[in-house]
C-alpha atoms as a PDB file:
ATOM      1  CA  MET A   1      52.524  28.249  66.021  1.00  0.00           C
ATOM      2  CA  LYS A   2      53.949  25.255  64.102  1.00  0.00           C
ATOM      3  CA  LYS A   3      50.844  23.070  64.483  1.00  0.00           C
ATOM      4  CA  PRO A   4      48.483  25.484  62.638  1.00  0.00           C
ATOM      5  CA  ILE A   5      51.000  25.822  59.820  1.00  0.00           C
ATOM      6  CA  ILE A   6      51.211  22.010  59.461  1.00  0.00           C
ATOM      7  CA  PHE A   7      47.409  21.707  59.551  1.00  0.00           C
ATOM      8  CA  ILE A   8      46.936  24.353  56.844  1.00  0.00           C
ATOM      9  CA  THR A   9      49.590  22.680  54.687  1.00  0.00           C
ATOM     10  CA  SER A  10      47.785  19.308  54.993  1.00  0.00           C
ATOM     11  CA  ILE A  11      44.510  20.884  53.934  1.00  0.00           C
ATOM     12  CA  LEU A  12      46.125  22.419  50.840  1.00  0.00           C
ATOM     13  CA  MET A  13      47.719  19.085  49.843  1.00  0.00           C
ATOM     14  CA  LEU A  14      44.366  17.298  50.189  1.00  0.00           C
ATOM     15  CA  LEU A  15      42.699  19.849  47.913  1.00  0.00           C
ATOM     16  CA  VAL A  16      45.420  19.379  45.321  1.00  0.00           C
ATOM     17  CA  LEU A  17      44.905  15.589  45.346  1.00  0.00           C
ATOM     18  CA  VAL A  18      41.126  15.950  44.924  1.00  0.00           C
ATOM     19  CA  CYS A  19      41.509  18.368  42.005  1.00  0.00           C
ATOM     20  CA  CYS A  20      43.998  16.136  40.248  1.00  0.00           C
ATOM     21  CA  GLU A  21      41.924  12.945  40.608  1.00  0.00           C
ATOM     22  CA  THR A  22      41.508  10.984  37.330  1.00  0.00           C
ATOM     23  CA  PRO A  23      38.088  11.773  35.748  1.00  0.00           C
ATOM     24  CA  THR A  24      35.489   9.062  35.200  1.00  0.00           C
ATOM     25  CA  GLU A  25      34.813   7.651  31.766  1.00  0.00           C
ATOM     26  CA  ASN A  26      31.690   9.798  31.286  1.00  0.00           C
ATOM     27  CA  GLU A  27      33.599  12.889  32.334  1.00  0.00           C
ATOM     28  CA  THR A  28      36.346  12.088  29.836  1.00  0.00           C
ATOM     29  CA  ASP A  29      34.203  11.698  26.684  1.00  0.00           C
ATOM     30  CA  ARG A  30      31.613  14.300  27.698  1.00  0.00           C
ATOM     31  CA  THR A  31      28.794  12.176  26.253  1.00  0.00           C
ATOM     32  CA  THR A  32      25.300  12.043  27.650  1.00  0.00           C
ATOM     33  CA  THR A  33      23.241   8.899  27.969  1.00  0.00           C
ATOM     34  CA  SER A  34      19.881   9.197  26.212  1.00  0.00           C
ATOM     35  CA  ASP A  35      16.715   8.730  28.218  1.00  0.00           C
ATOM     36  CA  ASP A  36      15.439   5.957  25.912  1.00  0.00           C
ATOM     37  CA  GLY A  37      18.376   3.620  26.505  1.00  0.00           C
ATOM     38  CA  ARG A  38      19.597   3.626  22.896  1.00  0.00           C
ATOM     39  CA  GLY A  39      23.132   4.765  23.556  1.00  0.00           C
ATOM     40  CA  THR A  40      24.954   8.043  23.875  1.00  0.00           C
ATOM     41  CA  ILE A  41      24.089  11.226  22.080  1.00  0.00           C
ATOM     42  CA  GLY A  42      27.057  12.165  19.898  1.00  0.00           C
ATOM     43  CA  ASP A  43      27.793   8.560  18.900  1.00  0.00           C
ATOM     44  CA  SER A  44      27.176   8.349  15.110  1.00  0.00           C
ATOM     45  CA  ARG A  45      25.702   4.859  15.523  1.00  0.00           C
ATOM     46  CA  TYR A  46      22.750   6.387  17.311  1.00  0.00           C
ATOM     47  CA  LEU A  47      22.285   9.544  15.270  1.00  0.00           C
ATOM     48  CA  PRO A  48      18.934   9.943  13.489  1.00  0.00           C
ATOM     49  CA  GLN A  49      18.946   8.307  10.048  1.00  0.00           C
ATOM     50  CA  ILE A  50      17.125   9.406   6.909  1.00  0.00           C
ATOM     51  CA  PHE A  51      16.543   7.383   3.746  1.00  0.00           C
ATOM     52  CA  PHE A  52      14.264   6.978   0.723  1.00  0.00           C
ATOM     53  CA  SER A  53      11.407   4.479   0.710  1.00  0.00           C
ATOM     54  CA  THR A  54      12.642   2.934  -2.564  1.00  0.00           C
ATOM     55  CA  PRO A  55      15.898   3.023  -4.572  1.00  0.00           C
ATOM     56  CA  GLN A  56      14.319   3.162  -8.045  1.00  0.00           C
ATOM     57  CA  ILE A  57      11.155   4.295  -9.871  1.00  0.00           C
ATOM     58  CA  THR A  58      10.234   3.807 -13.542  1.00  0.00           C
ATOM     59  CA  ILE A  59       7.332   5.790 -15.010  1.00  0.00           C
ATOM     60  CA  LYS A  60       5.965   6.594 -18.441  1.00  0.00           C
ATOM     61  CA  GLU A  61       6.034  10.146 -19.696  1.00  0.00           C
ATOM     62  CA  ALA A  62       2.742  12.032 -19.448  1.00  0.00           C
ATOM     63  CA  PHE A  63       0.463  10.777 -22.228  1.00  0.00           C
ATOM     64  CA  GLU A  64      -1.182  13.307 -24.596  1.00  0.00           C
ATOM     65  CA  GLY A  65      -0.686  16.116 -22.127  1.00  0.00           C
ATOM     66  CA  MET A  66      -2.214  14.264 -19.182  1.00  0.00           C
ATOM     67  CA  PRO A  67       0.329  14.504 -16.373  1.00  0.00           C
ATOM     68  CA  THR A  68       1.607  11.492 -14.515  1.00  0.00           C
ATOM     69  CA  THR A  69       2.882  11.703 -10.970  1.00  0.00           C
ATOM     70  CA  ILE A  70       5.287   9.659  -8.901  1.00  0.00           C
ATOM     71  CA  SER A  71       5.211   9.679  -5.122  1.00  0.00           C
ATOM     72  CA  PHE A  72       7.746   8.391  -2.628  1.00  0.00           C
ATOM     73  CA  GLU A  73       8.574   8.842   1.018  1.00  0.00           C
ATOM     74  CA  VAL A  74      11.600  10.154   2.838  1.00  0.00           C
ATOM     75  CA  LYS A  75      11.743   8.279   6.137  1.00  0.00           C
ATOM     76  CA  SER A  76      13.696   8.513   9.378  1.00  0.00           C
ATOM     77  CA  ASN A  77      14.873   6.298  12.219  1.00  0.00           C
ATOM     78  CA  ASN A  78      16.248   6.972  15.728  1.00  0.00           C
ATOM     79  CA  VAL A  79      14.636  10.395  16.029  1.00  0.00           C
ATOM     80  CA  ARG A  80      14.441  11.185  19.749  1.00  0.00           C
ATOM     81  CA  ARG A  81      11.980  13.316  21.653  1.00  0.00           C
ATOM     82  CA  ASN A  82      13.831  16.616  21.393  1.00  0.00           C
ATOM     83  CA  ASP A  83      15.768  16.039  18.151  1.00  0.00           C
ATOM     84  CA  LYS A  84      15.508  18.637  15.414  1.00  0.00           C
ATOM     85  CA  VAL A  85      16.634  16.985  12.204  1.00  0.00           C
ATOM     86  CA  SER A  86      16.579  18.367   8.671  1.00  0.00           C
ATOM     87  CA  ALA A  87      17.779  17.495   5.184  1.00  0.00           C
ATOM     88  CA  THR A  88      17.404  18.921   1.713  1.00  0.00           C
ATOM     89  CA  ILE A  89      16.642  16.842  -1.381  1.00  0.00           C
ATOM     90  CA  ALA A  90      18.186  17.773  -4.718  1.00  0.00           C
ATOM     91  CA  PHE A  91      17.969  16.528  -8.307  1.00  0.00           C
ATOM     92  CA  ASP A  92      21.147  15.184  -9.924  1.00  0.00           C
ATOM     93  CA  ASN A  93      21.497  13.963 -13.527  1.00  0.00           C
ATOM     94  CA  SER A  94      25.273  14.226 -13.860  1.00  0.00           C
ATOM     95  CA  SER A  95      25.871  10.454 -13.950  1.00  0.00           C
ATOM     96  CA  TYR A  96      23.899  10.004 -17.205  1.00  0.00           C
ATOM     97  CA  PRO A  97      24.832  10.810 -20.831  1.00  0.00           C
ATOM     98  CA  ALA A  98      23.858  14.348 -21.813  1.00  0.00           C
ATOM     99  CA  GLU A  99      21.067  13.269 -24.162  1.00  0.00           C
ATOM    100  CA  MET A 100      19.477  11.128 -21.434  1.00  0.00           C
ATOM    101  CA  ARG A 101      19.485  13.684 -18.620  1.00  0.00           C
ATOM    102  CA  ALA A 102      16.088  14.683 -17.269  1.00  0.00           C
ATOM    103  CA  THR A 103      15.969  18.269 -16.033  1.00  0.00           C
ATOM    104  CA  GLU A 104      13.564  20.014 -13.704  1.00  0.00           C
ATOM    105  CA  GLY A 105      11.157  22.250 -15.593  1.00  0.00           C
ATOM    106  CA  THR A 106      11.641  20.386 -18.882  1.00  0.00           C
ATOM    107  CA  HIS A 107      10.916  16.774 -17.985  1.00  0.00           C
ATOM    108  CA  PHE A 108       9.436  17.043 -14.481  1.00  0.00           C
ATOM    109  CA  THR A 109       8.304  19.508 -11.830  1.00  0.00           C
ATOM    110  CA  THR A 110       7.547  19.375  -8.128  1.00  0.00           C
ATOM    111  CA  ASN A 111       5.612  21.568  -5.716  1.00  0.00           C
ATOM    112  CA  SER A 112       6.803  19.588  -2.723  1.00  0.00           C
ATOM    113  CA  GLN A 113       9.030  21.210  -0.157  1.00  0.00           C
ATOM    114  CA  LYS A 114      12.685  20.315  -0.710  1.00  0.00           C
ATOM    115  CA  THR A 115      13.976  21.074   2.792  1.00  0.00           C
ATOM    116  CA  LEU A 116      12.483  18.501   5.143  1.00  0.00           C
ATOM    117  CA  THR A 117      12.422  18.543   8.940  1.00  0.00           C
ATOM    118  CA  PHE A 118      11.937  15.570  11.223  1.00  0.00           C
ATOM    119  CA  ASP A 119      11.097  15.217  14.896  1.00  0.00           C
ATOM    120  CA  ASN A 120       9.541  12.632  17.171  1.00  0.00           C
ATOM    121  CA  GLU A 121       6.057  13.280  15.711  1.00  0.00           C
ATOM    122  CA  HIS A 122       7.044  13.809  12.060  1.00  0.00           C
ATOM    123  CA  ARG A 123       9.136  10.859  10.955  1.00  0.00           C
ATOM    124  CA  SER A 124       8.398  10.847   7.210  1.00  0.00           C
ATOM    125  CA  HIS A 125       7.510  13.102   4.295  1.00  0.00           C
ATOM    126  CA  THR A 126       5.752  12.271   1.010  1.00  0.00           C
ATOM    127  CA  ILE A 127       7.256  13.859  -2.089  1.00  0.00           C
ATOM    128  CA  ALA A 128       5.286  14.152  -5.363  1.00  0.00           C
ATOM    129  CA  ILE A 129       6.922  14.775  -8.740  1.00  0.00           C
ATOM    130  CA  THR A 130       4.902  15.500 -11.892  1.00  0.00           C
ATOM    131  CA  ILE A 131       6.216  14.148 -15.201  1.00  0.00           C
ATOM    132  CA  ILE A 132       5.882  16.462 -18.217  1.00  0.00           C
ATOM    133  CA  ASP A 133       4.936  15.351 -21.738  1.00  0.00           C
ATOM    134  CA  ASN A 134       7.391  17.047 -24.094  1.00  0.00           C
ATOM    135  CA  GLU A 135       5.520  15.643 -27.145  1.00  0.00           C
ATOM    136  CA  LEU A 136       8.835  14.778 -28.800  1.00  0.00           C
ATOM    137  CA  LEU A 137      10.166  11.423 -29.970  1.00  0.00           C
ATOM    138  CA  THR A 138      13.317  11.150 -27.877  1.00  0.00           C
ATOM    139  CA  VAL A 139      15.197   8.658 -25.752  1.00  0.00           C
ATOM    140  CA  ASP A 140      14.215   7.711 -22.224  1.00  0.00           C
ATOM    141  CA  HIS A 141      15.438  10.166 -19.590  1.00  0.00           C
ATOM    142  CA  TYR A 142      16.926   9.685 -16.136  1.00  0.00           C
ATOM    143  CA  PHE A 143      17.658  11.631 -12.972  1.00  0.00           C
ATOM    144  CA  ASP A 144      18.527  10.886  -9.359  1.00  0.00           C
ATOM    145  CA  ILE A 145      17.223  12.353  -6.127  1.00  0.00           C
ATOM    146  CA  VAL A 146      19.857  12.788  -3.431  1.00  0.00           C
ATOM    147  CA  PHE A 147      20.268  14.299   0.027  1.00  0.00           C
ATOM    148  CA  THR A 148      22.194  17.505   0.684  1.00  0.00           C
ATOM    149  CA  ASP A 149      22.692  19.751   3.720  1.00  0.00           C
ATOM    150  CA  THR A 150      21.858  17.158   6.360  1.00  0.00           C
ATOM    151  CA  ILE A 151      21.678  18.549   9.902  1.00  0.00           C
ATOM    152  CA  SER A 152      21.905  16.405  13.059  1.00  0.00           C
ATOM    153  CA  CYS A 153      21.475  13.162  11.117  1.00  0.00           C
ATOM    154  CA  ILE A 154      23.163  10.723   8.766  1.00  0.00           C
ATOM    155  CA  THR A 155      21.895   9.102   5.563  1.00  0.00           C
ATOM    156  CA  THR A 156      21.505   5.373   5.176  1.00  0.00           C
ATOM    157  CA  THR A 157      20.574   3.183   2.221  1.00  0.00           C
ATOM    158  CA  PRO A 158      18.750   3.781   0.053  1.00  0.00           C
ATOM    159  CA  ASN A 159      20.186   7.296   0.087  1.00  0.00           C
ATOM    160  CA  ARG A 160      19.804   7.811  -3.680  1.00  0.00           C
ATOM    161  CA  LEU A 161      16.584   7.372  -5.659  1.00  0.00           C
ATOM    162  CA  SER A 162      16.966   6.795  -9.412  1.00  0.00           C
ATOM    163  CA  VAL A 163      14.058   7.764 -11.694  1.00  0.00           C
ATOM    164  CA  LYS A 164      13.609   6.558 -15.275  1.00  0.00           C
ATOM    165  CA  ILE A 165      11.118   8.409 -17.506  1.00  0.00           C
ATOM    166  CA  ILE A 166       9.971   6.294 -20.448  1.00  0.00           C
ATOM    167  CA  ASP A 167       9.309   8.359 -23.568  1.00  0.00           C
ATOM    168  CA  ASP A 168       5.685   7.769 -24.568  1.00  0.00           C
ATOM    169  CA  GLU A 169       6.286   8.866 -28.162  1.00  0.00           C
ATOM    170  CA  ASN A 170       8.696   5.949 -28.682  1.00  0.00           C
ATOM    171  CA  PRO A 171       6.674   3.264 -30.541  1.00  0.00           C
ATOM    172  CA  ILE A 172       8.570   0.497 -28.748  1.00  0.00           C
ATOM    173  CA  ASN A 173       7.378   1.830 -25.405  1.00  0.00           C
ATOM    174  CA  MET A 174       3.806   1.808 -26.706  1.00  0.00           C
ATOM    175  CA  LEU A 175       4.051  -1.996 -26.797  1.00  0.00           C
ATOM    176  CA  CYS A 176       4.831  -2.195 -23.090  1.00  0.00           C
ATOM    177  CA  GLY A 177       2.060  -3.059 -20.668  1.00  0.00           C
ATOM    178  CA  LYS A 178      -0.193  -5.791 -19.326  1.00  0.00           C
ATOM    179  CA  TYR A 179      -1.713  -8.238 -21.798  1.00  0.00           C
ATOM    180  CA  ASN A 180      -4.376 -10.931 -21.985  1.00  0.00           C
ATOM    181  CA  ALA A 181      -2.860 -13.946 -23.755  1.00  0.00           C
ATOM    182  CA  THR A 182      -4.711 -16.784 -25.494  1.00  0.00           C
ATOM    183  CA  ALA A 183      -3.617 -19.909 -27.391  1.00  0.00           C
ATOM    184  CA  GLN A 184      -4.634 -23.408 -28.379  1.00  0.00           C
ATOM    185  CA  ALA A 185      -2.185 -25.755 -26.700  1.00  0.00           C
ATOM    186  CA  THR A 186      -1.376 -29.438 -26.654  1.00  0.00           C
ATOM    187  CA  THR A 187       0.582 -30.654 -23.625  1.00  0.00           C
ATOM    188  CA  ASP A 188       2.328 -34.047 -23.722  1.00  0.00           C
ATOM    189  CA  ASN A 189       0.261 -35.137 -26.756  1.00  0.00           C
ATOM    190  CA  SER A 190      -3.032 -34.630 -24.942  1.00  0.00           C
ATOM    191  CA  ASP A 191      -6.133 -33.014 -26.457  1.00  0.00           C
ATOM    192  CA  VAL A 192      -6.038 -29.401 -27.592  1.00  0.00           C
ATOM    193  CA  ASP A 193      -7.053 -26.956 -24.851  1.00  0.00           C
ATOM    194  CA  GLU A 194      -7.930 -23.293 -25.047  1.00  0.00           C
ATOM    195  CA  GLU A 195      -5.636 -21.435 -22.650  1.00  0.00           C
ATOM    196  CA  TYR A 196      -5.860 -17.972 -21.118  1.00  0.00           C
ATOM    197  CA  TRP A 197      -3.331 -16.159 -18.938  1.00  0.00           C
ATOM    198  CA  GLU A 198      -2.041 -12.700 -18.137  1.00  0.00           C
ATOM    199  CA  ALA A 199       1.344 -11.556 -19.394  1.00  0.00           C
ATOM    200  CA  SER A 200       3.450  -8.416 -19.320  1.00  0.00           C
ATOM    201  CA  ILE A 201       5.753  -6.841 -21.879  1.00  0.00           C
ATOM    202  CA  THR A 202       8.513  -4.567 -20.638  1.00  0.00           C
ATOM    203  CA  HIS A 203      11.278  -2.571 -22.277  1.00  0.00           C
ATOM    204  CA  ASP A 204      14.702  -4.126 -21.882  1.00  0.00           C
ATOM    205  CA  GLU A 205      16.942  -2.147 -19.537  1.00  0.00           C
ATOM    206  CA  ILE A 206      19.999  -2.370 -21.823  1.00  0.00           C
ATOM    207  CA  GLU A 207      19.016  -2.806 -25.472  1.00  0.00           C
ATOM    208  CA  ASP A 208      16.654  -0.152 -26.830  1.00  0.00           C
ATOM    209  CA  ASN A 209      15.019  -2.382 -29.464  1.00  0.00           C
ATOM    210  CA  LEU A 210      14.413  -5.374 -27.183  1.00  0.00           C
ATOM    211  CA  LEU A 211      11.272  -6.265 -25.249  1.00  0.00           C
ATOM    212  CA  ASN A 212      10.818  -8.858 -22.505  1.00  0.00           C
ATOM    213  CA  ILE A 213       7.673 -11.031 -22.680  1.00  0.00           C
ATOM    214  CA  HIS A 214       6.690 -12.755 -19.455  1.00  0.00           C
ATOM    215  CA  PRO A 215       5.425 -15.386 -19.533  1.00  0.00           C
ATOM    216  CA  ILE A 216       5.152 -16.264 -23.186  1.00  0.00           C
ATOM    217  CA  CYS A 217       3.338 -19.487 -22.229  1.00  0.00           C
ATOM    218  CA  THR A 218       2.295 -21.645 -19.281  1.00  0.00           C
ATOM    219  CA  TYR A 219       3.177 -25.202 -18.380  1.00  0.00           C
ATOM    220  CA  LYS A 220       1.403 -27.572 -16.000  1.00  0.00           C
ATOM    221  CA  GLY A 221       0.632 -25.019 -13.325  1.00  0.00           C
ATOM    222  CA  ILE A 222       4.226 -23.873 -12.841  1.00  0.00           C
ATOM    223  CA  GLY A 223       4.222 -20.492 -11.154  1.00  0.00           C
ATOM    224  CA  PHE A 224       4.988 -17.581 -13.442  1.00  0.00           C
ATOM    225  CA  GLN A 225       7.853 -16.581 -11.158  1.00  0.00           C
ATOM    226  CA  TYR A 226       9.637 -19.796 -12.188  1.00  0.00           C
ATOM    227  CA  ILE A 227       9.250 -19.165 -15.935  1.00  0.00           C
ATOM    228  CA  SER A 228      11.882 -16.887 -17.415  1.00  0.00           C
ATOM    229  CA  PRO A 229      10.894 -14.047 -19.760  1.00  0.00           C
ATOM    230  CA  VAL A 230      11.884 -14.290 -23.416  1.00  0.00           C
ATOM    231  CA  GLN A 231      13.417 -11.432 -25.354  1.00  0.00           C
ATOM    232  CA  ALA A 232      11.851 -10.134 -28.544  1.00  0.00           C
ATOM    233  CA  SER A 233      13.543  -7.799 -31.009  1.00  0.00           C
ATOM    234  CA  VAL A 234      11.327  -5.105 -32.536  1.00  0.00           C
ATOM    235  CA  ASN A 235      11.187  -4.215 -36.221  1.00  0.00           C
ATOM    236  CA  LEU A 236       9.190  -0.989 -36.375  1.00  0.00           C
ATOM    237  CA  GLU A 237       9.245  -0.776 -40.166  1.00  0.00           C
ATOM    238  CA  ASN A 238       7.608  -4.184 -40.615  1.00  0.00           C
ATOM    239  CA  GLN A 239       5.686  -3.991 -37.311  1.00  0.00           C
ATOM    240  CA  THR A 240       6.982  -7.376 -36.243  1.00  0.00           C
ATOM    241  CA  LEU A 241       8.561  -9.037 -33.242  1.00  0.00           C
ATOM    242  CA  GLU A 242      11.178 -11.758 -33.550  1.00  0.00           C
ATOM    243  CA  ILE A 243      11.677 -14.181 -30.677  1.00  0.00           C
ATOM    244  CA  GLU A 244      14.795 -16.283 -31.045  1.00  0.00           C
ATOM    245  CA  TYR A 245      14.421 -20.013 -30.482  1.00  0.00           C
ATOM    246  CA  GLY A 246      16.439 -21.706 -27.759  1.00  0.00           C
ATOM    247  CA  GLN A 247      15.740 -19.218 -24.970  1.00  0.00           C
ATOM    248  CA  GLU A 248      15.456 -21.068 -21.669  1.00  0.00           C
ATOM    249  CA  LEU A 249      12.044 -20.977 -19.983  1.00  0.00           C
ATOM    250  CA  PHE A 250      12.761 -23.030 -16.872  1.00  0.00           C
ATOM    251  CA  TYR A 251      15.052 -25.710 -15.487  1.00  0.00           C
ATOM    252  CA  SER A 252      14.226 -28.910 -13.620  1.00  0.00           C
ATOM    253  CA  ALA A 253      16.881 -29.639 -11.008  1.00  0.00           C
ATOM    254  CA  SER A 254      15.361 -33.028 -10.184  1.00  0.00           C
ATOM    255  CA  THR A 255      15.797 -34.302 -13.759  1.00  0.00           C
ATOM    256  CA  ASP A 256      18.627 -31.964 -14.819  1.00  0.00           C
ATOM    257  CA  ASN A 257      16.587 -30.956 -17.870  1.00  0.00           C
ATOM    258  CA  ARG A 258      16.329 -27.585 -19.617  1.00  0.00           C
ATOM    259  CA  TYR A 259      13.017 -26.501 -21.089  1.00  0.00           C
ATOM    260  CA  VAL A 260      13.384 -23.974 -23.891  1.00  0.00           C
ATOM    261  CA  PHE A 261      11.220 -21.945 -26.259  1.00  0.00           C
ATOM    262  CA  THR A 262      11.232 -23.457 -29.779  1.00  0.00           C
ATOM    263  CA  GLY A 263       9.260 -23.649 -32.955  1.00  0.00           C
ATOM    264  CA  VAL A 264       7.172 -26.774 -33.557  1.00  0.00           C
ATOM    265  CA  THR A 265       6.398 -28.411 -36.928  1.00  0.00           C
ATOM    266  CA  ALA A 266       3.086 -29.978 -37.918  1.00  0.00           C
ATOM    267  CA  ASN A 267       4.382 -33.423 -36.893  1.00  0.00           C
ATOM    268  CA  ASN A 268       5.618 -32.188 -33.491  1.00  0.00           C
ATOM    269  CA  THR A 269       9.285 -31.848 -34.365  1.00  0.00           C
ATOM    270  CA  PRO A 270      11.089 -29.056 -32.495  1.00  0.00           C
ATOM    271  CA  ILE A 271      12.726 -26.190 -34.376  1.00  0.00           C
ATOM    272  CA  THR A 272      15.690 -25.022 -32.330  1.00  0.00           C
ATOM    273  CA  GLU A 273      17.311 -22.691 -34.890  1.00  0.00           C
ATOM    274  CA  GLY A 274      15.839 -19.416 -36.085  1.00  0.00           C
ATOM    275  CA  SER A 275      13.097 -17.223 -34.662  1.00  0.00           C
ATOM    276  CA  ALA A 276       9.336 -17.012 -34.271  1.00  0.00           C
ATOM    277  CA  VAL A 277       7.734 -13.996 -35.943  1.00  0.00           C
ATOM    278  CA  ALA A 278       4.755 -12.076 -34.591  1.00  0.00           C
ATOM    279  CA  THR A 279       2.931  -9.061 -36.034  1.00  0.00           C
ATOM    280  CA  PHE A 280       1.678  -6.194 -33.900  1.00  0.00           C
ATOM    281  CA  TYR A 281      -1.079  -3.763 -34.875  1.00  0.00           C
ATOM    282  CA  THR A 282      -3.815  -1.594 -33.388  1.00  0.00           C
ATOM    283  CA  ASP A 283      -7.343  -3.021 -33.709  1.00  0.00           C
ATOM    284  CA  GLU A 284     -10.565  -1.088 -34.312  1.00  0.00           C
ATOM    285  CA  THR A 285     -10.925  -0.353 -30.593  1.00  0.00           C
ATOM    286  CA  GLY A 286      -7.451   1.154 -30.354  1.00  0.00           C
ATOM    287  CA  LYS A 287      -5.915  -1.793 -28.507  1.00  0.00           C
ATOM    288  CA  ILE A 288      -2.526  -3.192 -29.421  1.00  0.00           C
ATOM    289  CA  VAL A 289      -2.647  -6.806 -30.593  1.00  0.00           C
ATOM    290  CA  ILE A 290       0.296  -9.172 -31.137  1.00  0.00           C
ATOM    291  CA  GLU A 291      -0.305 -12.304 -33.219  1.00  0.00           C
ATOM    292  CA  PHE A 292       2.171 -15.134 -33.854  1.00  0.00           C
ATOM    293  CA  HIS A 293       2.352 -16.630 -37.345  1.00  0.00           C
ATOM    294  CA  ASP A 294       4.283 -19.725 -36.310  1.00  0.00           C
ATOM    295  CA  ASN A 295       3.493 -22.675 -34.097  1.00  0.00           C
ATOM    296  CA  VAL A 296       5.753 -22.526 -31.076  1.00  0.00           C
ATOM    297  CA  GLY A 297       6.196 -24.557 -27.952  1.00  0.00           C
ATOM    298  CA  ILE A 298       8.274 -25.865 -25.092  1.00  0.00           C
ATOM    299  CA  THR A 299      10.977 -28.408 -25.806  1.00  0.00           C
ATOM    300  CA  ASN A 300      12.798 -30.544 -23.249  1.00  0.00           C
ATOM    301  CA  LEU A 301      16.531 -30.531 -23.889  1.00  0.00           C
ATOM    302  CA  THR A 302      18.160 -33.344 -21.928  1.00  0.00           C
ATOM    303  CA  ASP A 303      21.837 -33.468 -21.030  1.00  0.00           C
ATOM    304  CA  ASP A 304      22.367 -37.093 -22.096  1.00  0.00           C
ATOM    305  CA  HIS A 305      22.331 -36.284 -25.834  1.00  0.00           C
ATOM    306  CA  LEU A 306      18.891 -37.778 -26.438  1.00  0.00           C
ATOM    307  CA  SER A 307      16.706 -36.131 -29.074  1.00  0.00           C
ATOM    308  CA  PRO A 308      14.858 -33.004 -27.895  1.00  0.00           C
ATOM    309  CA  ILE A 309      11.229 -33.682 -27.024  1.00  0.00           C
ATOM    310  CA  VAL A 310       8.340 -31.255 -27.558  1.00  0.00           C
ATOM    311  CA  VAL A 311       6.358 -31.270 -24.311  1.00  0.00           C
ATOM    312  CA  LYS A 312       3.932 -28.501 -25.313  1.00  0.00           C
ATOM    313  CA  LYS A 313       2.759 -27.286 -28.711  1.00  0.00           C
ATOM    314  CA  ILE A 314       1.209 -23.805 -28.902  1.00  0.00           C
ATOM    315  CA  GLU A 315      -0.908 -22.614 -31.819  1.00  0.00           C
ATOM    316  CA  ASN A 316      -2.592 -19.280 -32.578  1.00  0.00           C
ATOM    317  CA  LEU A 317      -0.689 -17.457 -29.843  1.00  0.00           C
ATOM    318  CA  ARG A 318      -2.196 -13.992 -29.365  1.00  0.00           C
ATOM    319  CA  PHE A 319      -1.622 -11.085 -26.955  1.00  0.00           C
ATOM    320  CA  GLU A 320      -4.088  -8.214 -26.502  1.00  0.00           C
ATOM    321  CA  ILE A 321      -3.143  -5.253 -24.350  1.00  0.00           C
ATOM    322  CA  LYS A 322      -5.434  -4.537 -21.402  1.00  0.00           C
END
């Protein structure tokens, strides 16, 4: 009778050893390898991601009651075959001063769904927001669009979309837009040429009464992206723009020379102190026109203390909005 007892005892000990065996790595973390080879489900690095198509939008307020609309996309990455992902978008203006906060129903509306779902076949959504014309002369307004209540996903940048609404009743904003520019120019003492180019005028992001003109002139085929905009202060009472002399237009690394915006006298002497003055008005067709009263130009300021040299003289500078 002893042999059966020993045999049964051995069987029981073997079962105990098997049950107490150290689990494998996969058994320990209880993760499951995805069928597309992108990692383990449950690892945040491989969770579906949602984000906005752009971090910032600037739009003019609806003009004379005609609504304007902005559209953007909410996109996703890493959405697997059987994933069910959702997120809600919300409007947030709390980071802006009270007088600059845009609110839903007063400054904008949307009919788009705010709770968005994503799966393997629906990886993006287009959201449309209509801007309202409040017909009041006020400041520009701002609001942000953010994600809330995300389910089975994480957000990645850009995860906040900032919207700026430019007040169309503000006369300074009326000057912003695309322009056709013309001038009679003399480059490096050559003959006078009639010049034409396209320019843009934008509202400065910081100072309310400043505009950025780009480009205010051309020079020898230099790309517009290499010419810096100049700032112009607006005097609404006199309907004038003042562009301070000395603003840098571009820099030549090969010669270590700075080329700046200046006034130019009749005998081609640069004026580096003061400002150029331009008048703006609305012509008979309703277009905004900006005309300069002074001869201006581009002056080469060298770093070896030689006299500044006018390399381009510009006369009859004129901008007409498109």
